[in-house]
Amino acid sequence: MMAKPLEVDQVWLDRILEQVNGLQYGSVNITVHDGRIVQIDRTERTRYDQPSHKQVQPEPQKTANANSHSSGDNLRAVAQ
């Protein structure tokens, strides 16, 4: 089966240009069905080259997990 030639008129060219213009980082995806453009998706990304001044520092990890027991070191006898 031979592929149909793509039908692109001025309306679609204008729509594509509209999506590409002003795009600094991202992509434009054109979906074609049966040789006709049916959809244009634009994904725009925002890049931050420098980290924010107000980043939350992660809390330090505790060395022992309360739910873990290794070789009985944390076991205690309970009087009943």
Protein backbone atom coordinates (compact mmCIF):
# COMPACT_ATOMS: atom_id res chain seq x y z
CA MET A 1 0.00 0.00 0.00
CA MET A 2 1.40 3.36 -0.99
CA ALA A 3 1.15 6.32 1.38
CA LYS A 4 -1.15 9.14 0.42
CA PRO A 5 0.52 12.49 -0.26
CA LEU A 6 0.12 14.90 2.61
CA GLU A 7 -2.53 17.59 2.05
CA VAL A 8 -1.32 20.88 3.55
CA ASP A 9 -3.07 24.13 2.72
CA GLN A 10 -2.35 27.67 3.89
CA VAL A 11 -4.71 27.32 6.85
CA TRP A 12 -2.66 24.42 8.23
CA LEU A 13 0.63 26.18 7.50
CA ASP A 14 -0.61 29.19 9.46
CA ARG A 15 -1.72 26.96 12.34
CA ILE A 16 1.68 25.25 12.45
CA LEU A 17 3.54 28.57 12.37
CA GLU A 18 1.30 29.89 15.13
CA GLN A 19 2.28 26.96 17.37
CA VAL A 20 6.02 27.16 16.58
CA ASN A 21 6.37 30.96 16.90
CA GLY A 22 7.51 32.02 20.35
CA LEU A 23 8.40 28.49 21.39
CA GLN A 24 11.74 28.68 23.20
CA TYR A 25 11.93 25.11 24.56
CA GLY A 26 9.50 22.38 23.65
CA SER A 27 8.02 20.51 20.73
CA VAL A 28 5.22 20.64 18.20
CA ASN A 29 3.71 17.29 17.21
CA ILE A 30 1.61 17.04 14.05
CA THR A 31 -0.77 14.09 13.79
CA VAL A 32 -1.63 12.87 10.29
CA HIS A 33 -4.44 10.43 9.37
CA ASP A 34 -5.00 9.26 5.78
CA GLY A 35 -2.71 11.95 4.39
CA ARG A 36 -4.43 14.80 6.23
CA ILE A 37 -3.33 16.79 9.27
CA VAL A 38 -5.88 16.23 12.00
CA GLN A 39 -4.20 17.56 15.13
CA ILE A 40 -1.36 19.79 16.36
CA ASP A 41 -0.01 19.38 19.90
CA ARG A 42 2.33 21.91 21.46
CA THR A 43 4.37 21.06 24.54
CA GLU A 44 6.24 23.95 26.07
CA ARG A 45 9.00 23.52 28.64
CA THR A 46 10.30 26.05 31.10
CA ARG A 47 13.96 25.75 32.01
CA TYR A 48 15.42 27.16 35.18
CA ASP A 49 19.20 27.37 34.84
CA GLN A 50 19.83 28.63 38.38
CA PRO A 51 18.30 26.99 41.46
CA SER A 52 15.78 28.91 43.48
CA HIS A 53 17.09 30.77 46.52
CA LYS A 54 14.35 29.31 48.73
CA GLN A 55 14.82 25.59 48.30
CA VAL A 56 13.71 23.38 51.15
CA GLN A 57 16.57 21.31 52.48
CA PRO A 58 15.67 17.64 52.91
CA GLU A 59 15.58 16.41 56.48
CA PRO A 60 18.48 14.15 57.45
CA GLN A 61 17.67 10.45 57.37
CA LYS A 62 17.57 8.67 60.71
CA THR A 63 20.13 5.92 61.01
CA ALA A 64 17.76 3.28 62.40
CA ASN A 65 14.33 2.55 61.04
CA ALA A 66 11.78 2.08 63.81
CA ASN A 67 10.19 -0.86 61.99
CA SER A 68 13.40 -2.74 61.17
CA HIS A 69 15.07 -5.22 63.46
CA SER A 70 18.48 -6.58 62.55
CA SER A 71 19.66 -9.76 64.28
CA GLY A 72 17.65 -9.01 67.43
CA ASP A 73 19.68 -5.99 68.54
CA ASN A 74 16.56 -3.90 69.22
CA LEU A 75 14.48 -6.58 70.93
CA ARG A 76 13.46 -6.07 74.56
CA ALA A 77 11.84 -8.42 76.96
CA VAL A 78 8.42 -7.34 78.20
CA ALA A 79 7.15 -8.58 81.56
CA GLN A 80 3.57 -9.76 81.50
